[in-house]
Structures are given as C-alpha cells and as structure tokens.
C-alpha cells in the first residue's frame, strides 16, 4: 500500500480536488493520498468528491487553518468523475 502526500496549501477551489483526482488516477486500488490544504471550502469539496467518486474519505482534521485529509482509492478501475472527464476529452 502506498501513501502519496500532496501539499496543496495556497490553492483554492477547485484545484485541491482536481489535483487529488489526478494523483489518485496513478495509484493502485487501496492506496491512499494524504492531502494538506489551506482552503476552508476543501472540507465540503472533498466530502462531495469522495461520495460521488466512490473513494473513501478516511479522515479529515483542521489545525490552525490547515486541513488534512486521508483518502483511499476505491477498488473499481474507473470512477464516475474519470468517466465524465474521458467523455469530455
């Protein structure tokens, strides 16, 4: 199992979710991404993203305005969001 760390502080919506989605594409099912952001909107953004994509939001926390997320890639080969992006290309 791989843990990929993404420091996305300073980026605002929708960039943290888009960068995380791109990173997850390159990982194997069950691998995790540990994301750090400074955008308060990312809390809701990652909750919605994980619900719609099927990835698991394992945890999130906030400390001094910095948000930490742990996301596990789902087992299926393709997510709904990846399919929509492929159709738009």
PDB file of N, CA and C in Angstrom:
ATOM      1  N   UNK A   1       0.853  -1.184   0.000  1.00  0.00           N
ATOM      2  CA  UNK A   1       0.000   0.000   0.000  1.00  0.00           C
ATOM      3  C   UNK A   1       0.890   1.236   0.000  1.00  0.00           C
ATOM      4  N   UNK A   2       0.529   2.177  -0.844  1.00  0.00           N
ATOM      5  CA  UNK A   2       1.293   3.410  -0.991  1.00  0.00           C
ATOM      6  C   UNK A   2       0.541   4.577  -0.368  1.00  0.00           C
ATOM      7  N   UNK A   3       1.263   5.456   0.286  1.00  0.00           N
ATOM      8  CA  UNK A   3       0.713   6.719   0.769  1.00  0.00           C
ATOM      9  C   UNK A   3       1.400   7.839   0.004  1.00  0.00           C
ATOM     10  N   UNK A   4       0.618   8.572  -0.800  1.00  0.00           N
ATOM     11  CA  UNK A   4       1.128   9.715  -1.543  1.00  0.00           C
ATOM     12  C   UNK A   4       0.763  10.966  -0.763  1.00  0.00           C
ATOM     13  N   UNK A   5       1.707  11.861  -0.547  1.00  0.00           N
ATOM     14  CA  UNK A   5       1.471  13.092   0.204  1.00  0.00           C
ATOM     15  C   UNK A   5       1.390  14.256  -0.774  1.00  0.00           C
ATOM     16  N   UNK A   6       0.294  15.018  -0.699  1.00  0.00           N
ATOM     17  CA  UNK A   6       0.108  16.205  -1.531  1.00  0.00           C
ATOM     18  C   UNK A   6      -0.016  17.432  -0.640  1.00  0.00           C
ATOM     19  N   UNK A   7       0.876  18.381  -0.803  1.00  0.00           N
ATOM     20  CA  UNK A   7       0.797  19.655  -0.083  1.00  0.00           C
ATOM     21  C   UNK A   7       0.180  20.664  -1.047  1.00  0.00           C
ATOM     22  N   UNK A   8      -1.101  20.962  -0.855  1.00  0.00           N
ATOM     23  CA  UNK A   8      -1.837  21.846  -1.750  1.00  0.00           C
ATOM     24  C   UNK A   8      -2.236  23.148  -1.060  1.00  0.00           C
ATOM     25  N   UNK A   9      -1.486  23.516  -0.031  1.00  0.00           N
ATOM     26  CA  UNK A   9      -1.759  24.779   0.663  1.00  0.00           C
ATOM     27  C   UNK A   9      -1.584  25.939  -0.312  1.00  0.00           C
ATOM     28  N   UNK A  10      -2.446  26.926  -0.204  1.00  0.00           N
ATOM     29  CA  UNK A  10      -2.391  28.096  -1.067  1.00  0.00           C
ATOM     30  C   UNK A  10      -3.282  27.976  -2.293  1.00  0.00           C
ATOM     31  N   UNK A  11      -3.742  26.774  -2.600  1.00  0.00           N
ATOM     32  CA  UNK A  11      -4.642  26.585  -3.734  1.00  0.00           C
ATOM     33  C   UNK A  11      -6.083  26.706  -3.263  1.00  0.00           C
ATOM     34  N   UNK A  12      -6.930  27.240  -4.129  1.00  0.00           N
ATOM     35  CA  UNK A  12      -8.343  27.368  -3.788  1.00  0.00           C
ATOM     36  C   UNK A  12      -9.190  26.504  -4.705  1.00  0.00           C
ATOM     37  N   UNK A  13     -10.440  26.334  -4.298  1.00  0.00           N
ATOM     38  CA  UNK A  13     -11.414  25.541  -5.031  1.00  0.00           C
ATOM     39  C   UNK A  13     -11.430  25.944  -6.501  1.00  0.00           C
ATOM     40  N   UNK A  14     -11.403  24.992  -7.384  1.00  0.00           N
ATOM     41  CA  UNK A  14     -11.481  23.531  -7.250  1.00  0.00           C
ATOM     42  C   UNK A  14     -10.132  22.827  -7.331  1.00  0.00           C
ATOM     43  N   UNK A  15      -9.027  23.554  -7.301  1.00  0.00           N
ATOM     44  CA  UNK A  15      -7.715  22.958  -7.545  1.00  0.00           C
ATOM     45  C   UNK A  15      -7.330  21.814  -6.602  1.00  0.00           C
ATOM     46  N   UNK A  16      -7.583  21.896  -5.281  1.00  0.00           N
ATOM     47  CA  UNK A  16      -7.202  20.759  -4.441  1.00  0.00           C
ATOM     48  C   UNK A  16      -7.864  19.446  -4.863  1.00  0.00           C
ATOM     49  N   UNK A  17      -9.147  19.494  -5.193  1.00  0.00           N
ATOM     50  CA  UNK A  17      -9.842  18.273  -5.611  1.00  0.00           C
ATOM     51  C   UNK A  17      -9.336  17.812  -6.976  1.00  0.00           C
ATOM     52  N   UNK A  18      -9.130  18.729  -7.895  1.00  0.00           N
ATOM     53  CA  UNK A  18      -8.651  18.346  -9.224  1.00  0.00           C
ATOM     54  C   UNK A  18      -7.267  17.714  -9.155  1.00  0.00           C
ATOM     55  N   UNK A  19      -6.368  18.292  -8.363  1.00  0.00           N
ATOM     56  CA  UNK A  19      -5.016  17.728  -8.225  1.00  0.00           C
ATOM     57  C   UNK A  19      -5.059  16.362  -7.529  1.00  0.00           C
ATOM     58  N   UNK A  20      -5.937  16.231  -6.547  1.00  0.00           N
ATOM     59  CA  UNK A  20      -6.071  14.951  -5.854  1.00  0.00           C
ATOM     60  C   UNK A  20      -6.621  13.893  -6.794  1.00  0.00           C
ATOM     61  N   UNK A  21      -7.623  14.249  -7.582  1.00  0.00           N
ATOM     62  CA  UNK A  21      -8.204  13.316  -8.543  1.00  0.00           C
ATOM     63  C   UNK A  21      -7.131  12.835  -9.516  1.00  0.00           C
ATOM     64  N   UNK A  22      -6.319  13.740 -10.014  1.00  0.00           N
ATOM     65  CA  UNK A  22      -5.242  13.381 -10.943  1.00  0.00           C
ATOM     66  C   UNK A  22      -4.254  12.425 -10.274  1.00  0.00           C
ATOM     67  N   UNK A  23      -3.914  12.699  -9.028  1.00  0.00           N
ATOM     68  CA  UNK A  23      -2.970  11.842  -8.303  1.00  0.00           C
ATOM     69  C   UNK A  23      -3.545  10.452  -8.081  1.00  0.00           C
ATOM     70  N   UNK A  24      -4.827  10.373  -7.749  1.00  0.00           N
ATOM     71  CA  UNK A  24      -5.459   9.080  -7.496  1.00  0.00           C
ATOM     72  C   UNK A  24      -5.473   8.200  -8.742  1.00  0.00           C
ATOM     73  N   UNK A  25      -5.563   8.792  -9.903  1.00  0.00           N
ATOM     74  CA  UNK A  25      -5.575   8.011 -11.152  1.00  0.00           C
ATOM     75  C   UNK A  25      -4.322   7.158 -11.299  1.00  0.00           C
ATOM     76  N   UNK A  26      -3.202   7.652 -10.801  1.00  0.00           N
ATOM     77  CA  UNK A  26      -1.945   6.933 -10.938  1.00  0.00           C
ATOM     78  C   UNK A  26      -1.679   5.920  -9.843  1.00  0.00           C
ATOM     79  N   UNK A  27      -2.587   5.800  -8.901  1.00  0.00           N
ATOM     80  CA  UNK A  27      -2.382   4.884  -7.783  1.00  0.00           C
ATOM     81  C   UNK A  27      -3.168   3.589  -7.971  1.00  0.00           C
ATOM     82  N   UNK A  28      -2.744   2.563  -7.274  1.00  0.00           N
ATOM     83  CA  UNK A  28      -3.443   1.282  -7.294  1.00  0.00           C
ATOM     84  C   UNK A  28      -4.628   1.328  -6.330  1.00  0.00           C
ATOM     85  N   UNK A  29      -5.654   0.509  -6.583  1.00  0.00           N
ATOM     86  CA  UNK A  29      -6.781   0.439  -5.642  1.00  0.00           C
ATOM     87  C   UNK A  29      -6.278   0.147  -4.226  1.00  0.00           C
ATOM     88  N   UNK A  30      -6.833   0.859  -3.264  1.00  0.00           N
ATOM     89  CA  UNK A  30      -6.440   0.684  -1.863  1.00  0.00           C
ATOM     90  C   UNK A  30      -5.332   1.622  -1.412  1.00  0.00           C
ATOM     91  N   UNK A  31      -4.605   2.223  -2.356  1.00  0.00           N
ATOM     92  CA  UNK A  31      -3.574   3.197  -1.985  1.00  0.00           C
ATOM     93  C   UNK A  31      -4.232   4.451  -1.415  1.00  0.00           C
ATOM     94  N   UNK A  32      -3.465   5.224  -0.657  1.00  0.00           N
ATOM     95  CA  UNK A  32      -4.005   6.421  -0.022  1.00  0.00           C
ATOM     96  C   UNK A  32      -3.289   7.679  -0.470  1.00  0.00           C
ATOM     97  N   UNK A  33      -4.038   8.776  -0.436  1.00  0.00           N
ATOM     98  CA  UNK A  33      -3.482  10.105  -0.661  1.00  0.00           C
ATOM     99  C   UNK A  33      -3.699  10.886   0.622  1.00  0.00           C
ATOM    100  N   UNK A  34      -2.639  11.512   1.105  1.00  0.00           N
ATOM    101  CA  UNK A  34      -2.716  12.365   2.287  1.00  0.00           C
ATOM    102  C   UNK A  34      -2.571  13.799   1.784  1.00  0.00           C
ATOM    103  N   UNK A  35      -3.641  14.577   1.921  1.00  0.00           N
ATOM    104  CA  UNK A  35      -3.709  15.910   1.337  1.00  0.00           C
ATOM    105  C   UNK A  35      -3.712  16.965   2.436  1.00  0.00           C
ATOM    106  N   UNK A  36      -2.952  18.030   2.220  1.00  0.00           N
ATOM    107  CA  UNK A  36      -2.946  19.181   3.121  1.00  0.00           C
ATOM    108  C   UNK A  36      -3.351  20.400   2.309  1.00  0.00           C
ATOM    109  N   UNK A  37      -4.369  21.127   2.800  1.00  0.00           N
ATOM    110  CA  UNK A  37      -4.841  22.336   2.122  1.00  0.00           C
ATOM    111  C   UNK A  37      -5.006  23.468   3.136  1.00  0.00           C
ATOM    112  N   UNK A  38      -5.167  24.662   2.610  1.00  0.00           N
ATOM    113  CA  UNK A  38      -5.462  25.816   3.459  1.00  0.00           C
ATOM    114  C   UNK A  38      -6.824  26.423   3.097  1.00  0.00           C
ATOM    115  N   UNK A  39      -7.520  25.812   2.173  1.00  0.00           N
ATOM    116  CA  UNK A  39      -8.811  26.304   1.708  1.00  0.00           C
ATOM    117  C   UNK A  39      -9.945  25.675   2.516  1.00  0.00           C
ATOM    118  N   UNK A  40     -10.662  26.501   3.277  1.00  0.00           N
ATOM    119  CA  UNK A  40     -11.744  26.006   4.124  1.00  0.00           C
ATOM    120  C   UNK A  40     -12.807  25.264   3.304  1.00  0.00           C
ATOM    121  N   UNK A  41     -13.027  25.683   2.060  1.00  0.00           N
ATOM    122  CA  UNK A  41     -14.032  25.033   1.199  1.00  0.00           C
ATOM    123  C   UNK A  41     -13.651  23.594   0.861  1.00  0.00           C
ATOM    124  N   UNK A  42     -12.388  23.245   1.033  1.00  0.00           N
ATOM    125  CA  UNK A  42     -11.967  21.890   0.681  1.00  0.00           C
ATOM    126  C   UNK A  42     -12.621  20.829   1.565  1.00  0.00           C
ATOM    127  N   UNK A  43     -13.063  21.194   2.757  1.00  0.00           N
ATOM    128  CA  UNK A  43     -13.745  20.223   3.622  1.00  0.00           C
ATOM    129  C   UNK A  43     -14.987  19.703   2.914  1.00  0.00           C
ATOM    130  N   UNK A  44     -15.846  20.591   2.497  1.00  0.00           N
ATOM    131  CA  UNK A  44     -17.063  20.180   1.792  1.00  0.00           C
ATOM    132  C   UNK A  44     -16.723  19.600   0.423  1.00  0.00           C
ATOM    133  N   UNK A  45     -15.757  20.194  -0.255  1.00  0.00           N
ATOM    134  CA  UNK A  45     -15.377  19.711  -1.589  1.00  0.00           C
ATOM    135  C   UNK A  45     -14.930  18.252  -1.548  1.00  0.00           C
ATOM    136  N   UNK A  46     -14.086  17.884  -0.592  1.00  0.00           N
ATOM    137  CA  UNK A  46     -13.604  16.502  -0.526  1.00  0.00           C
ATOM    138  C   UNK A  46     -14.700  15.544  -0.069  1.00  0.00           C
ATOM    139  N   UNK A  47     -15.605  15.996   0.796  1.00  0.00           N
ATOM    140  CA  UNK A  47     -16.724  15.139   1.188  1.00  0.00           C
ATOM    141  C   UNK A  47     -17.589  14.806  -0.030  1.00  0.00           C
ATOM    142  N   UNK A  48     -17.907  15.805  -0.824  1.00  0.00           N
ATOM    143  CA  UNK A  48     -18.719  15.595  -2.023  1.00  0.00           C
ATOM    144  C   UNK A  48     -17.949  14.751  -3.041  1.00  0.00           C
ATOM    145  N   UNK A  49     -16.691  15.092  -3.271  1.00  0.00           N
ATOM    146  CA  UNK A  49     -15.876  14.356  -4.237  1.00  0.00           C
ATOM    147  C   UNK A  49     -15.826  12.865  -3.895  1.00  0.00           C
ATOM    148  N   UNK A  50     -15.567  12.544  -2.644  1.00  0.00           N
ATOM    149  CA  UNK A  50     -15.470  11.140  -2.252  1.00  0.00           C
ATOM    150  C   UNK A  50     -16.818  10.433  -2.361  1.00  0.00           C
ATOM    151  N   UNK A  51     -17.872  11.091  -1.983  1.00  0.00           N
ATOM    152  CA  UNK A  51     -19.201  10.495  -2.100  1.00  0.00           C
ATOM    153  C   UNK A  51     -19.521  10.194  -3.562  1.00  0.00           C
ATOM    154  N   UNK A  52     -19.216  11.122  -4.467  1.00  0.00           N
ATOM    155  CA  UNK A  52     -19.549  10.947  -5.882  1.00  0.00           C
ATOM    156  C   UNK A  52     -18.589  10.017  -6.615  1.00  0.00           C
ATOM    157  N   UNK A  53     -17.341   9.983  -6.205  1.00  0.00           N
ATOM    158  CA  UNK A  53     -16.346   9.171  -6.917  1.00  0.00           C
ATOM    159  C   UNK A  53     -16.256   7.749  -6.383  1.00  0.00           C
ATOM    160  N   UNK A  54     -16.679   7.543  -5.144  1.00  0.00           N
ATOM    161  CA  UNK A  54     -16.575   6.223  -4.541  1.00  0.00           C
ATOM    162  C   UNK A  54     -15.292   5.997  -3.760  1.00  0.00           C
ATOM    163  N   UNK A  55     -14.377   6.966  -3.790  1.00  0.00           N
ATOM    164  CA  UNK A  55     -13.176   6.869  -2.960  1.00  0.00           C
ATOM    165  C   UNK A  55     -13.593   7.085  -1.504  1.00  0.00           C
ATOM    166  N   UNK A  56     -12.795   6.580  -0.575  1.00  0.00           N
ATOM    167  CA  UNK A  56     -13.136   6.669   0.845  1.00  0.00           C
ATOM    168  C   UNK A  56     -12.404   7.841   1.498  1.00  0.00           C
ATOM    169  N   UNK A  57     -13.171   8.753   2.081  1.00  0.00           N
ATOM    170  CA  UNK A  57     -12.589   9.810   2.898  1.00  0.00           C
ATOM    171  C   UNK A  57     -12.385   9.200   4.282  1.00  0.00           C
ATOM    172  N   UNK A  58     -11.166   8.776   4.552  1.00  0.00           N
ATOM    173  CA  UNK A  58     -10.870   8.062   5.793  1.00  0.00           C
ATOM    174  C   UNK A  58     -10.905   8.982   6.999  1.00  0.00           C
ATOM    175  N   UNK A  59     -10.393  10.204   6.823  1.00  0.00           N
ATOM    176  CA  UNK A  59     -10.388  11.158   7.931  1.00  0.00           C
ATOM    177  C   UNK A  59     -10.096  12.552   7.396  1.00  0.00           C
ATOM    178  N   UNK A  60     -10.475  13.524   8.202  1.00  0.00           N
ATOM    179  CA  UNK A  60     -10.065  14.900   7.936  1.00  0.00           C
ATOM    180  C   UNK A  60      -9.967  15.608   9.277  1.00  0.00           C
ATOM    181  N   UNK A  61      -9.079  16.583   9.331  1.00  0.00           N
ATOM    182  CA  UNK A  61      -8.909  17.361  10.557  1.00  0.00           C
ATOM    183  C   UNK A  61      -8.431  18.755  10.178  1.00  0.00           C
ATOM    184  N   UNK A  62      -8.512  19.652  11.148  1.00  0.00           N
ATOM    185  CA  UNK A  62      -8.086  21.040  10.943  1.00  0.00           C
ATOM    186  C   UNK A  62      -7.242  21.461  12.131  1.00  0.00           C
ATOM    187  N   UNK A  63      -6.149  22.152  11.846  1.00  0.00           N
ATOM    188  CA  UNK A  63      -5.294  22.668  12.898  1.00  0.00           C
ATOM    189  C   UNK A  63      -4.703  23.989  12.426  1.00  0.00           C
ATOM    190  N   UNK A  64      -5.050  25.061  13.118  1.00  0.00           N
ATOM    191  CA  UNK A  64      -4.532  26.400  12.810  1.00  0.00           C
ATOM    192  C   UNK A  64      -4.743  26.803  11.357  1.00  0.00           C
ATOM    193  N   UNK A  65      -5.922  26.483  10.829  1.00  0.00           N
ATOM    194  CA  UNK A  65      -6.259  26.882   9.473  1.00  0.00           C
ATOM    195  C   UNK A  65      -5.706  25.994   8.374  1.00  0.00           C
ATOM    196  N   UNK A  66      -5.094  24.879   8.753  1.00  0.00           N
ATOM    197  CA  UNK A  66      -4.583  23.911   7.785  1.00  0.00           C
ATOM    198  C   UNK A  66      -5.430  22.644   7.901  1.00  0.00           C
ATOM    199  N   UNK A  67      -5.884  22.149   6.760  1.00  0.00           N
ATOM    200  CA  UNK A  67      -6.779  20.999   6.704  1.00  0.00           C
ATOM    201  C   UNK A  67      -6.028  19.788   6.179  1.00  0.00           C
ATOM    202  N   UNK A  68      -6.250  18.646   6.834  1.00  0.00           N
ATOM    203  CA  UNK A  68      -5.581  17.399   6.476  1.00  0.00           C
ATOM    204  C   UNK A  68      -6.641  16.364   6.116  1.00  0.00           C
ATOM    205  N   UNK A  69      -6.449  15.667   4.994  1.00  0.00           N
ATOM    206  CA  UNK A  69      -7.391  14.657   4.518  1.00  0.00           C
ATOM    207  C   UNK A  69      -6.640  13.376   4.205  1.00  0.00           C
ATOM    208  N   UNK A  70      -7.252  12.250   4.524  1.00  0.00           N
ATOM    209  CA  UNK A  70      -6.735  10.935   4.127  1.00  0.00           C
ATOM    210  C   UNK A  70      -7.805  10.299   3.262  1.00  0.00           C
ATOM    211  N   UNK A  71      -7.445   9.973   2.015  1.00  0.00           N
ATOM    212  CA  UNK A  71      -8.393   9.423   1.046  1.00  0.00           C
ATOM    213  C   UNK A  71      -7.816   8.119   0.506  1.00  0.00           C
ATOM    214  N   UNK A  72      -8.643   7.076   0.497  1.00  0.00           N
ATOM    215  CA  UNK A  72      -8.235   5.776  -0.041  1.00  0.00           C
ATOM    216  C   UNK A  72      -8.900   5.554  -1.397  1.00  0.00           C
ATOM    217  N   UNK A  73      -8.115   5.161  -2.382  1.00  0.00           N
ATOM    218  CA  UNK A  73      -8.646   4.916  -3.722  1.00  0.00           C
ATOM    219  C   UNK A  73      -9.553   3.691  -3.696  1.00  0.00           C
ATOM    220  N   UNK A  74     -10.685   3.802  -4.378  1.00  0.00           N
ATOM    221  CA  UNK A  74     -11.641   2.693  -4.403  1.00  0.00           C
ATOM    222  C   UNK A  74     -11.124   1.555  -5.259  1.00  0.00           C
ATOM    223  N   UNK A  75     -11.767   0.417  -5.127  1.00  0.00           N
ATOM    224  CA  UNK A  75     -11.319  -0.790  -5.811  1.00  0.00           C
ATOM    225  C   UNK A  75     -11.621  -0.786  -7.303  1.00  0.00           C
ATOM    226  N   UNK A  76     -12.709  -0.141  -7.733  1.00  0.00           N
ATOM    227  CA  UNK A  76     -13.074  -0.149  -9.149  1.00  0.00           C
ATOM    228  C   UNK A  76     -12.013   0.570  -9.980  1.00  0.00           C
ATOM    229  N   UNK A  77     -11.871   0.144 -11.222  1.00  0.00           N
ATOM    230  CA  UNK A  77     -10.843   0.699 -12.099  1.00  0.00           C
ATOM    231  C   UNK A  77     -11.125   2.130 -12.516  1.00  0.00           C
ATOM    232  N   UNK A  78     -12.385   2.504 -12.645  1.00  0.00           N
ATOM    233  CA  UNK A  78     -12.720   3.840 -13.134  1.00  0.00           C
ATOM    234  C   UNK A  78     -13.789   4.467 -12.252  1.00  0.00           C
ATOM    235  N   UNK A  79     -13.606   5.721 -11.900  1.00  0.00           N
ATOM    236  CA  UNK A  79     -14.589   6.439 -11.112  1.00  0.00           C
ATOM    237  C   UNK A  79     -15.547   7.180 -12.024  1.00  0.00           C
ATOM    238  N   UNK A  80     -16.664   7.607 -11.487  1.00  0.00           N
ATOM    239  CA  UNK A  80     -17.645   8.374 -12.248  1.00  0.00           C
ATOM    240  C   UNK A  80     -17.019   9.649 -12.819  1.00  0.00           C
ATOM    241  N   UNK A  81     -16.222  10.347 -12.002  1.00  0.00           N
ATOM    242  CA  UNK A  81     -15.603  11.595 -12.431  1.00  0.00           C
ATOM    243  C   UNK A  81     -14.600  11.336 -13.558  1.00  0.00           C
ATOM    244  N   UNK A  82     -13.814  10.250 -13.464  1.00  0.00           N
ATOM    245  CA  UNK A  82     -12.863   9.920 -14.533  1.00  0.00           C
ATOM    246  C   UNK A  82     -13.602   9.620 -15.835  1.00  0.00           C
ATOM    247  N   UNK A  83     -14.739   8.934 -15.754  1.00  0.00           N
ATOM    248  CA  UNK A  83     -15.512   8.611 -16.947  1.00  0.00           C
ATOM    249  C   UNK A  83     -16.046   9.881 -17.599  1.00  0.00           C
ATOM    250  N   UNK A  84     -16.506  10.832 -16.780  1.00  0.00           N
ATOM    251  CA  UNK A  84     -17.018  12.090 -17.322  1.00  0.00           C
ATOM    252  C   UNK A  84     -15.896  12.889 -17.988  1.00  0.00           C
ATOM    253  N   UNK A  85     -14.710  12.896 -17.368  1.00  0.00           N
ATOM    254  CA  UNK A  85     -13.578  13.613 -17.947  1.00  0.00           C
ATOM    255  C   UNK A  85     -13.138  12.968 -19.252  1.00  0.00           C
ATOM    256  N   UNK A  86     -13.153  11.642 -19.316  1.00  0.00           N
ATOM    257  CA  UNK A  86     -12.767  10.947 -20.540  1.00  0.00           C
ATOM    258  C   UNK A  86     -13.760  11.248 -21.672  1.00  0.00           C
ATOM    259  N   UNK A  87     -15.033  11.356 -21.318  1.00  0.00           N
ATOM    260  CA  UNK A  87     -16.049  11.662 -22.309  1.00  0.00           C
ATOM    261  C   UNK A  87     -15.946  13.087 -22.821  1.00  0.00           C
ATOM    262  N   UNK A  88     -15.402  13.984 -21.994  1.00  0.00           N
ATOM    263  CA  UNK A  88     -15.277  15.394 -22.385  1.00  0.00           C
ATOM    264  C   UNK A  88     -14.033  15.636 -23.242  1.00  0.00           C
ATOM    265  N   UNK A  89     -13.099  14.703 -23.199  1.00  0.00           N
ATOM    266  CA  UNK A  89     -11.829  14.886 -23.922  1.00  0.00           C
ATOM    267  C   UNK A  89     -11.965  14.639 -25.401  1.00  0.00           C
TER     268      UNK A  89
END
